[in-house]
C-alpha cells in the first residue's frame, strides 16, 4: 500500500473515529464508512493539513471513496510539491 493510501486511511480513521484496519481501498465514505455531510468537510480539511496541500473543495467533496481520495490527493501533492 502506498504511503498516501496509508495516510488517507489514518486521517479517515481519526476523523470518523473508526479503526484504520477496517477501511478498505474501495470503501465509500458515506455508504460504507458512515460519514455524515459535516464529516466530509472535516475530511477535506484534515487531508489538506496532513498533506500540506490546498484542495479544490468542490472537486474534493465529489470524491466518494478511499481509492478516489488517494488518487485525488496524490495528484494534488504532485502538482503542489513537485520533486
Protein backbone atom coordinates (compact mmCIF):
# COMPACT_ATOMS: atom_id res chain seq x y z
CA UNK A 1 0.00 0.00 0.00
CA UNK A 2 1.31 3.43 -0.88
CA UNK A 3 2.28 5.97 1.74
CA UNK A 4 -0.55 8.23 0.50
CA UNK A 5 -3.10 5.43 0.92
CA UNK A 6 -1.86 4.63 4.42
CA UNK A 7 -2.05 8.27 5.45
CA UNK A 8 -5.50 8.74 3.86
CA UNK A 9 -6.84 5.77 5.82
CA UNK A 10 -5.31 7.09 9.05
CA UNK A 11 -6.93 10.52 8.55
CA UNK A 12 -10.28 8.88 7.76
CA UNK A 13 -10.00 6.63 10.83
CA UNK A 14 -9.26 9.58 13.11
CA UNK A 15 -11.96 11.82 11.63
CA UNK A 16 -14.69 9.16 11.60
CA UNK A 17 -13.49 7.54 14.83
CA UNK A 18 -13.14 4.05 13.38
CA UNK A 19 -10.29 1.53 13.23
CA UNK A 20 -8.00 2.08 10.22
CA UNK A 21 -7.77 -1.69 9.74
CA UNK A 22 -11.50 -1.75 8.95
CA UNK A 23 -11.12 0.63 6.00
CA UNK A 24 -10.89 -0.99 2.57
CA UNK A 25 -9.32 0.57 -0.52
CA UNK A 26 -12.67 0.90 -2.30
CA UNK A 27 -14.86 1.75 0.71
CA UNK A 28 -17.18 4.68 0.14
CA UNK A 29 -17.16 7.43 2.75
CA UNK A 30 -20.91 7.67 3.28
CA UNK A 31 -22.29 4.27 2.29
CA UNK A 32 -19.55 2.04 3.73
CA UNK A 33 -17.91 4.14 6.44
CA UNK A 34 -20.93 6.08 7.70
CA UNK A 35 -19.58 9.60 7.14
CA UNK A 36 -22.07 12.42 7.55
CA UNK A 37 -22.11 15.61 5.49
CA UNK A 38 -20.22 17.69 8.04
CA UNK A 39 -17.58 14.98 8.30
CA UNK A 40 -16.93 15.24 4.56
CA UNK A 41 -15.89 18.86 5.08
CA UNK A 42 -13.80 17.82 8.09
CA UNK A 43 -12.09 15.14 5.99
CA UNK A 44 -11.12 17.66 3.30
CA UNK A 45 -9.63 19.95 5.95
CA UNK A 46 -7.80 17.03 7.58
CA UNK A 47 -6.38 15.87 4.23
CA UNK A 48 -5.18 19.40 3.47
CA UNK A 49 -3.42 19.58 6.83
CA UNK A 50 -1.94 16.06 6.64
CA UNK A 51 -0.53 16.51 3.14
CA UNK A 52 0.15 20.29 3.27
CA UNK A 53 -1.96 20.93 0.18
CA UNK A 54 -4.85 23.11 -0.90
CA UNK A 55 -7.68 21.09 -2.38
CA UNK A 56 -10.43 22.28 -4.68
CA UNK A 57 -13.34 21.89 -2.26
CA UNK A 58 -15.90 21.12 -4.95
CA UNK A 59 -13.68 18.51 -6.55
CA UNK A 60 -12.66 17.04 -3.22
CA UNK A 61 -16.24 16.75 -2.00
CA UNK A 62 -17.07 14.93 -5.24
CA UNK A 63 -14.70 12.12 -4.27
CA UNK A 64 -16.80 9.31 -2.85
CA UNK A 65 -14.36 6.51 -1.96
CA UNK A 66 -10.95 5.84 -0.42
CA UNK A 67 -9.24 4.96 -3.71
CA UNK A 68 -10.60 8.13 -5.32
CA UNK A 69 -9.28 10.20 -2.43
CA UNK A 70 -5.85 8.60 -2.72
CA UNK A 71 -5.71 9.45 -6.44
CA UNK A 72 -7.04 12.98 -5.91
CA UNK A 73 -4.57 13.71 -3.11
CA UNK A 74 -1.59 12.13 -4.88
CA UNK A 75 -2.29 14.37 -7.89
CA UNK A 76 -2.61 17.47 -5.70
CA UNK A 77 0.64 16.64 -3.88
CA UNK A 78 2.47 16.12 -7.19
CA UNK A 79 1.18 19.46 -8.52
CA UNK A 80 1.83 21.47 -5.35
CA UNK A 81 5.05 19.81 -4.19
CA UNK A 82 6.90 18.78 -7.37
CA UNK A 83 10.13 16.90 -6.94
